[in-house]
Amino acid sequence: MPEKEQTQTELAEISARIDELVELCRRLSEENRSLRQSQEQLSNERAGLIARNEQARTRVEAMIGRLKSLEQNQA
């Protein structure tokens, strides 16, 4: 194979490899964006669940306090 053809073949291979790498970077970037979005959503959901748990605990503690008060009033 003449040197010029070999050089063109190598350049074509390098170009194809660069195209593959660019596509891989694009896919990884999209996946990273999607994962960050999922993480943000899960963090928000977790914060909401923590708040609901705190509200429920406060209500249960209030009910226990009322029950103890009723118990003392009946004794």
PDB file of N, CA and C in Angstrom:
ATOM      1  N   MET A   1       0.858  -1.179   0.000  1.00  0.00           N
ATOM      2  CA  MET A   1       0.000   0.000   0.000  1.00  0.00           C
ATOM      3  C   MET A   1       0.900   1.236   0.000  1.00  0.00           C
ATOM      4  N   PRO A   2       0.654   2.133  -0.918  1.00  0.00           N
ATOM      5  CA  PRO A   2       1.479   3.352  -0.952  1.00  0.00           C
ATOM      6  C   PRO A   2       1.318   4.150   0.338  1.00  0.00           C
ATOM      7  N   GLU A   3       2.335   4.913   0.634  1.00  0.00           N
ATOM      8  CA  GLU A   3       2.377   5.663   1.895  1.00  0.00           C
ATOM      9  C   GLU A   3       1.205   6.636   2.016  1.00  0.00           C
ATOM     10  N   LYS A   4       0.842   7.292   0.925  1.00  0.00           N
ATOM     11  CA  LYS A   4      -0.261   8.261   0.943  1.00  0.00           C
ATOM     12  C   LYS A   4      -1.574   7.583   1.296  1.00  0.00           C
ATOM     13  N   GLU A   5      -1.831   6.418   0.712  1.00  0.00           N
ATOM     14  CA  GLU A   5      -3.068   5.678   1.004  1.00  0.00           C
ATOM     15  C   GLU A   5      -3.073   5.203   2.452  1.00  0.00           C
ATOM     16  N   GLN A   6      -1.918   4.760   2.936  1.00  0.00           N
ATOM     17  CA  GLN A   6      -1.808   4.298   4.311  1.00  0.00           C
ATOM     18  C   GLN A   6      -2.087   5.449   5.275  1.00  0.00           C
ATOM     19  N   THR A   7      -1.559   6.616   4.977  1.00  0.00           N
ATOM     20  CA  THR A   7      -1.786   7.793   5.814  1.00  0.00           C
ATOM     21  C   THR A   7      -3.265   8.154   5.819  1.00  0.00           C
ATOM     22  N   GLN A   8      -3.907   8.101   4.639  1.00  0.00           N
ATOM     23  CA  GLN A   8      -5.329   8.418   4.557  1.00  0.00           C
ATOM     24  C   GLN A   8      -6.157   7.394   5.335  1.00  0.00           C
ATOM     25  N   THR A   9      -5.765   6.139   5.251  1.00  0.00           N
ATOM     26  CA  THR A   9      -6.469   5.094   5.989  1.00  0.00           C
ATOM     27  C   THR A   9      -6.333   5.318   7.499  1.00  0.00           C
ATOM     28  N   GLU A  10      -5.117   5.636   7.927  1.00  0.00           N
ATOM     29  CA  GLU A  10      -4.894   5.900   9.350  1.00  0.00           C
ATOM     30  C   GLU A  10      -5.686   7.116   9.822  1.00  0.00           C
ATOM     31  N   LEU A  11      -5.719   8.159   8.998  1.00  0.00           N
ATOM     32  CA  LEU A  11      -6.489   9.351   9.347  1.00  0.00           C
ATOM     33  C   LEU A  11      -7.984   9.042   9.431  1.00  0.00           C
ATOM     34  N   ALA A  12      -8.460   8.212   8.517  1.00  0.00           N
ATOM     35  CA  ALA A  12      -9.866   7.817   8.535  1.00  0.00           C
ATOM     36  C   ALA A  12     -10.181   7.024   9.808  1.00  0.00           C
ATOM     37  N   GLU A  13      -9.265   6.129  10.198  1.00  0.00           N
ATOM     38  CA  GLU A  13      -9.452   5.357  11.426  1.00  0.00           C
ATOM     39  C   GLU A  13      -9.444   6.259  12.654  1.00  0.00           C
ATOM     40  N   ILE A  14      -8.519   7.215  12.658  1.00  0.00           N
ATOM     41  CA  ILE A  14      -8.434   8.159  13.773  1.00  0.00           C
ATOM     42  C   ILE A  14      -9.710   9.008  13.841  1.00  0.00           C
ATOM     43  N   SER A  15     -10.172   9.440  12.692  1.00  0.00           N
ATOM     44  CA  SER A  15     -11.395  10.242  12.631  1.00  0.00           C
ATOM     45  C   SER A  15     -12.593   9.444  13.144  1.00  0.00           C
ATOM     46  N   ALA A  16     -12.680   8.181  12.735  1.00  0.00           N
ATOM     47  CA  ALA A  16     -13.781   7.325  13.198  1.00  0.00           C
ATOM     48  C   ALA A  16     -13.702   7.139  14.718  1.00  0.00           C
ATOM     49  N   ARG A  17     -12.512   6.957  15.213  1.00  0.00           N
ATOM     50  CA  ARG A  17     -12.319   6.779  16.673  1.00  0.00           C
ATOM     51  C   ARG A  17     -12.704   8.051  17.422  1.00  0.00           C
ATOM     52  N   ILE A  18     -12.329   9.199  16.870  1.00  0.00           N
ATOM     53  CA  ILE A  18     -12.703  10.473  17.492  1.00  0.00           C
ATOM     54  C   ILE A  18     -14.222  10.622  17.516  1.00  0.00           C
ATOM     55  N   ASP A  19     -14.877  10.255  16.409  1.00  0.00           N
ATOM     56  CA  ASP A  19     -16.340  10.319  16.359  1.00  0.00           C
ATOM     57  C   ASP A  19     -16.963   9.427  17.431  1.00  0.00           C
ATOM     58  N   GLU A  20     -16.400   8.227  17.612  1.00  0.00           N
ATOM     59  CA  GLU A  20     -16.898   7.320  18.652  1.00  0.00           C
ATOM     60  C   GLU A  20     -16.722   7.935  20.040  1.00  0.00           C
ATOM     61  N   LEU A  21     -15.570   8.550  20.283  1.00  0.00           N
ATOM     62  CA  LEU A  21     -15.308   9.174  21.574  1.00  0.00           C
ATOM     63  C   LEU A  21     -16.239  10.360  21.832  1.00  0.00           C
ATOM     64  N   VAL A  22     -16.484  11.133  20.787  1.00  0.00           N
ATOM     65  CA  VAL A  22     -17.410  12.268  20.923  1.00  0.00           C
ATOM     66  C   VAL A  22     -18.810  11.751  21.280  1.00  0.00           C
ATOM     67  N   GLU A  23     -19.242  10.699  20.618  1.00  0.00           N
ATOM     68  CA  GLU A  23     -20.561  10.121  20.909  1.00  0.00           C
ATOM     69  C   GLU A  23     -20.600   9.557  22.329  1.00  0.00           C
ATOM     70  N   LEU A  24     -19.533   8.912  22.739  1.00  0.00           N
ATOM     71  CA  LEU A  24     -19.466   8.390  24.101  1.00  0.00           C
ATOM     72  C   LEU A  24     -19.554   9.526  25.117  1.00  0.00           C
ATOM     73  N   CYS A  25     -18.829  10.592  24.872  1.00  0.00           N
ATOM     74  CA  CYS A  25     -18.889  11.760  25.768  1.00  0.00           C
ATOM     75  C   CYS A  25     -20.300  12.333  25.823  1.00  0.00           C
ATOM     76  N   ARG A  26     -20.958  12.403  24.688  1.00  0.00           N
ATOM     77  CA  ARG A  26     -22.330  12.918  24.641  1.00  0.00           C
ATOM     78  C   ARG A  26     -23.268  12.038  25.467  1.00  0.00           C
ATOM     79  N   ARG A  27     -23.153  10.721  25.287  1.00  0.00           N
ATOM     80  CA  ARG A  27     -24.004   9.790  26.033  1.00  0.00           C
ATOM     81  C   ARG A  27     -23.729   9.867  27.529  1.00  0.00           C
ATOM     82  N   LEU A  28     -22.448   9.929  27.897  1.00  0.00           N
ATOM     83  CA  LEU A  28     -22.098  10.021  29.319  1.00  0.00           C
ATOM     84  C   LEU A  28     -22.585  11.326  29.935  1.00  0.00           C
ATOM     85  N   SER A  29     -22.503  12.385  29.172  1.00  0.00           N
ATOM     86  CA  SER A  29     -22.985  13.674  29.647  1.00  0.00           C
ATOM     87  C   SER A  29     -24.495  13.630  29.879  1.00  0.00           C
ATOM     88  N   GLU A  30     -25.217  13.024  28.967  1.00  0.00           N
ATOM     89  CA  GLU A  30     -26.672  12.887  29.108  1.00  0.00           C
ATOM     90  C   GLU A  30     -27.016  12.002  30.309  1.00  0.00           C
ATOM     91  N   GLU A  31     -26.288  10.913  30.458  1.00  0.00           N
ATOM     92  CA  GLU A  31     -26.521  10.024  31.599  1.00  0.00           C
ATOM     93  C   GLU A  31     -26.224  10.746  32.909  1.00  0.00           C
ATOM     94  N   ASN A  32     -25.160  11.514  32.941  1.00  0.00           N
ATOM     95  CA  ASN A  32     -24.791  12.277  34.131  1.00  0.00           C
ATOM     96  C   ASN A  32     -25.889  13.280  34.471  1.00  0.00           C
ATOM     97  N   ARG A  33     -26.412  13.974  33.463  1.00  0.00           N
ATOM     98  CA  ARG A  33     -27.494  14.930  33.674  1.00  0.00           C
ATOM     99  C   ARG A  33     -28.727  14.235  34.245  1.00  0.00           C
ATOM    100  N   SER A  34     -29.046  13.088  33.674  1.00  0.00           N
ATOM    101  CA  SER A  34     -30.202  12.318  34.136  1.00  0.00           C
ATOM    102  C   SER A  34     -30.016  11.846  35.580  1.00  0.00           C
ATOM    103  N   LEU A  35     -28.818  11.389  35.900  1.00  0.00           N
ATOM    104  CA  LEU A  35     -28.545  10.928  37.260  1.00  0.00           C
ATOM    105  C   LEU A  35     -28.611  12.075  38.268  1.00  0.00           C
ATOM    106  N   ARG A  36     -28.099  13.230  37.879  1.00  0.00           N
ATOM    107  CA  ARG A  36     -28.175  14.407  38.766  1.00  0.00           C
ATOM    108  C   ARG A  36     -29.631  14.815  39.003  1.00  0.00           C
ATOM    109  N   GLN A  37     -30.434  14.735  37.954  1.00  0.00           N
ATOM    110  CA  GLN A  37     -31.849  15.071  38.076  1.00  0.00           C
ATOM    111  C   GLN A  37     -32.548  14.072  39.010  1.00  0.00           C
ATOM    112  N   SER A  38     -32.243  12.794  38.860  1.00  0.00           N
ATOM    113  CA  SER A  38     -32.817  11.770  39.733  1.00  0.00           C
ATOM    114  C   SER A  38     -32.382  11.979  41.179  1.00  0.00           C
ATOM    115  N   GLN A  39     -31.113  12.310  41.369  1.00  0.00           N
ATOM    116  CA  GLN A  39     -30.603  12.543  42.716  1.00  0.00           C
ATOM    117  C   GLN A  39     -31.321  13.730  43.359  1.00  0.00           C
ATOM    118  N   GLU A  40     -31.531  14.780  42.597  1.00  0.00           N
ATOM    119  CA  GLU A  40     -32.231  15.961  43.115  1.00  0.00           C
ATOM    120  C   GLU A  40     -33.666  15.602  43.503  1.00  0.00           C
ATOM    121  N   GLN A  41     -34.326  14.831  42.646  1.00  0.00           N
ATOM    122  CA  GLN A  41     -35.696  14.412  42.920  1.00  0.00           C
ATOM    123  C   GLN A  41     -35.757  13.548  44.184  1.00  0.00           C
ATOM    124  N   LEU A  42     -34.830  12.615  44.316  1.00  0.00           N
ATOM    125  CA  LEU A  42     -34.807  11.749  45.489  1.00  0.00           C
ATOM    126  C   LEU A  42     -34.484  12.543  46.759  1.00  0.00           C
ATOM    127  N   SER A  43     -33.616  13.525  46.652  1.00  0.00           N
ATOM    128  CA  SER A  43     -33.299  14.370  47.810  1.00  0.00           C
ATOM    129  C   SER A  43     -34.530  15.149  48.259  1.00  0.00           C
ATOM    130  N   ASN A  44     -35.259  15.685  47.289  1.00  0.00           N
ATOM    131  CA  ASN A  44     -36.487  16.408  47.621  1.00  0.00           C
ATOM    132  C   ASN A  44     -37.515  15.490  48.258  1.00  0.00           C
ATOM    133  N   GLU A  45     -37.652  14.288  47.704  1.00  0.00           N
ATOM    134  CA  GLU A  45     -38.598  13.320  48.258  1.00  0.00           C
ATOM    135  C   GLU A  45     -38.197  12.937  49.683  1.00  0.00           C
ATOM    136  N   ARG A  46     -36.920  12.739  49.893  1.00  0.00           N
ATOM    137  CA  ARG A  46     -36.416  12.391  51.231  1.00  0.00           C
ATOM    138  C   ARG A  46     -36.717  13.509  52.224  1.00  0.00           C
ATOM    139  N   ALA A  47     -36.479  14.743  51.812  1.00  0.00           N
ATOM    140  CA  ALA A  47     -36.760  15.880  52.698  1.00  0.00           C
ATOM    141  C   ALA A  47     -38.236  15.928  53.054  1.00  0.00           C
ATOM    142  N   GLY A  48     -39.100  15.667  52.080  1.00  0.00           N
ATOM    143  CA  GLY A  48     -40.541  15.633  52.340  1.00  0.00           C
ATOM    144  C   GLY A  48     -40.913  14.529  53.305  1.00  0.00           C
ATOM    145  N   LEU A  49     -40.303  13.367  53.139  1.00  0.00           N
ATOM    146  CA  LEU A  49     -40.598  12.248  54.038  1.00  0.00           C
ATOM    147  C   LEU A  49     -40.107  12.525  55.456  1.00  0.00           C
ATOM    148  N   ILE A  50     -38.967  13.154  55.567  1.00  0.00           N
ATOM    149  CA  ILE A  50     -38.453  13.515  56.892  1.00  0.00           C
ATOM    150  C   ILE A  50     -39.404  14.490  57.568  1.00  0.00           C
ATOM    151  N   ALA A  51     -39.903  15.472  56.806  1.00  0.00           N
ATOM    152  CA  ALA A  51     -40.831  16.451  57.369  1.00  0.00           C
ATOM    153  C   ALA A  51     -42.128  15.772  57.804  1.00  0.00           C
ATOM    154  N   ARG A  52     -42.645  14.872  56.973  1.00  0.00           N
ATOM    155  CA  ARG A  52     -43.883  14.161  57.340  1.00  0.00           C
ATOM    156  C   ARG A  52     -43.663  13.295  58.571  1.00  0.00           C
ATOM    157  N   ASN A  53     -42.509  12.662  58.660  1.00  0.00           N
ATOM    158  CA  ASN A  53     -42.191  11.833  59.811  1.00  0.00           C
ATOM    159  C   ASN A  53     -42.148  12.690  61.077  1.00  0.00           C
ATOM    160  N   GLU A  54     -41.549  13.851  60.979  1.00  0.00           N
ATOM    161  CA  GLU A  54     -41.470  14.766  62.123  1.00  0.00           C
ATOM    162  C   GLU A  54     -42.863  15.220  62.548  1.00  0.00           C
ATOM    163  N   GLN A  55     -43.711  15.533  61.580  1.00  0.00           N
ATOM    164  CA  GLN A  55     -45.088  15.933  61.899  1.00  0.00           C
ATOM    165  C   GLN A  55     -45.837  14.806  62.597  1.00  0.00           C
ATOM    166  N   ALA A  56     -45.678  13.589  62.090  1.00  0.00           N
ATOM    167  CA  ALA A  56     -46.357  12.441  62.695  1.00  0.00           C
ATOM    168  C   ALA A  56     -45.852  12.212  64.118  1.00  0.00           C
ATOM    169  N   ARG A  57     -44.543  12.337  64.309  1.00  0.00           N
ATOM    170  CA  ARG A  57     -43.987  12.145  65.653  1.00  0.00           C
ATOM    171  C   ARG A  57     -44.529  13.202  66.613  1.00  0.00           C
ATOM    172  N   THR A  58     -44.614  14.429  66.152  1.00  0.00           N
ATOM    173  CA  THR A  58     -45.135  15.507  66.988  1.00  0.00           C
ATOM    174  C   THR A  58     -46.591  15.236  67.367  1.00  0.00           C
ATOM    175  N   ARG A  59     -47.373  14.778  66.391  1.00  0.00           N
ATOM    176  CA  ARG A  59     -48.789  14.483  66.678  1.00  0.00           C
ATOM    177  C   ARG A  59     -48.933  13.318  67.641  1.00  0.00           C
ATOM    178  N   VAL A  60     -48.122  12.291  67.476  1.00  0.00           N
ATOM    179  CA  VAL A  60     -48.182  11.137  68.383  1.00  0.00           C
ATOM    180  C   VAL A  60     -47.784  11.570  69.797  1.00  0.00           C
ATOM    181  N   GLU A  61     -46.738  12.370  69.909  1.00  0.00           N
ATOM    182  CA  GLU A  61     -46.322  12.848  71.231  1.00  0.00           C
ATOM    183  C   GLU A  61     -47.423  13.692  71.874  1.00  0.00           C
ATOM    184  N   ALA A  62     -48.118  14.489  71.081  1.00  0.00           N
ATOM    185  CA  ALA A  62     -49.224  15.293  71.602  1.00  0.00           C
ATOM    186  C   ALA A  62     -50.363  14.396  72.076  1.00  0.00           C
ATOM    187  N   MET A  63     -50.663  13.350  71.321  1.00  0.00           N
ATOM    188  CA  MET A  63     -51.723  12.415  71.726  1.00  0.00           C
ATOM    189  C   MET A  63     -51.345  11.708  73.019  1.00  0.00           C
ATOM    190  N   ILE A  64     -50.096  11.297  73.130  1.00  0.00           N
ATOM    191  CA  ILE A  64     -49.641  10.633  74.361  1.00  0.00           C
ATOM    192  C   ILE A  64     -49.790  11.585  75.538  1.00  0.00           C
ATOM    193  N   GLY A  65     -49.412  12.845  75.330  1.00  0.00           N
ATOM    194  CA  GLY A  65     -49.565  13.846  76.395  1.00  0.00           C
ATOM    195  C   GLY A  65     -51.017  14.015  76.801  1.00  0.00           C
ATOM    196  N   ARG A  66     -51.923  14.054  75.841  1.00  0.00           N
ATOM    197  CA  ARG A  66     -53.356  14.182  76.156  1.00  0.00           C
ATOM    198  C   ARG A  66     -53.868  12.948  76.884  1.00  0.00           C
ATOM    199  N   LEU A  67     -53.426  11.774  76.447  1.00  0.00           N
ATOM    200  CA  LEU A  67     -53.860  10.542  77.113  1.00  0.00           C
ATOM    201  C   LEU A  67     -53.373  10.501  78.561  1.00  0.00           C
ATOM    202  N   LYS A  68     -52.134  10.908  78.789  1.00  0.00           N
ATOM    203  CA  LYS A  68     -51.610  10.940  80.157  1.00  0.00           C
ATOM    204  C   LYS A  68     -52.389  11.937  80.994  1.00  0.00           C
ATOM    205  N   SER A  69     -52.742  13.061  80.408  1.00  0.00           N
ATOM    206  CA  SER A  69     -53.519  14.072  81.111  1.00  0.00           C
ATOM    207  C   SER A  69     -54.890  13.538  81.473  1.00  0.00           C
ATOM    208  N   LEU A  70     -55.543  12.860  80.538  1.00  0.00           N
ATOM    209  CA  LEU A  70     -56.851  12.262  80.820  1.00  0.00           C
ATOM    210  C   LEU A  70     -56.733  11.202  81.911  1.00  0.00           C
ATOM    211  N   GLU A  71     -55.687  10.416  81.846  1.00  0.00           N
ATOM    212  CA  GLU A  71     -55.474   9.358  82.829  1.00  0.00           C
ATOM    213  C   GLU A  71     -55.305   9.954  84.233  1.00  0.00           C
ATOM    214  N   GLN A  72     -54.552  11.047  84.315  1.00  0.00           N
ATOM    215  CA  GLN A  72     -54.336  11.682  85.621  1.00  0.00           C
ATOM    216  C   GLN A  72     -55.629  12.320  86.129  1.00  0.00           C
ATOM    217  N   ASN A  73     -56.448  12.867  85.246  1.00  0.00           N
ATOM    218  CA  ASN A  73     -57.709  13.494  85.652  1.00  0.00           C
ATOM    219  C   ASN A  73     -58.703  12.461  86.143  1.00  0.00           C
ATOM    220  N   GLN A  74     -58.647  11.230  85.631  1.00  0.00           N
ATOM    221  CA  GLN A  74     -59.578  10.182  86.026  1.00  0.00           C
ATOM    222  C   GLN A  74     -59.125   9.490  87.306  1.00  0.00           C
ATOM    223  N   ALA A  75     -57.889   9.618  87.666  1.00  0.00           N
ATOM    224  CA  ALA A  75     -57.377   8.900  88.845  1.00  0.00           C
ATOM    225  C   ALA A  75     -57.745   9.579  90.130  1.00  0.00           C
TER     226      ALA A  75
END
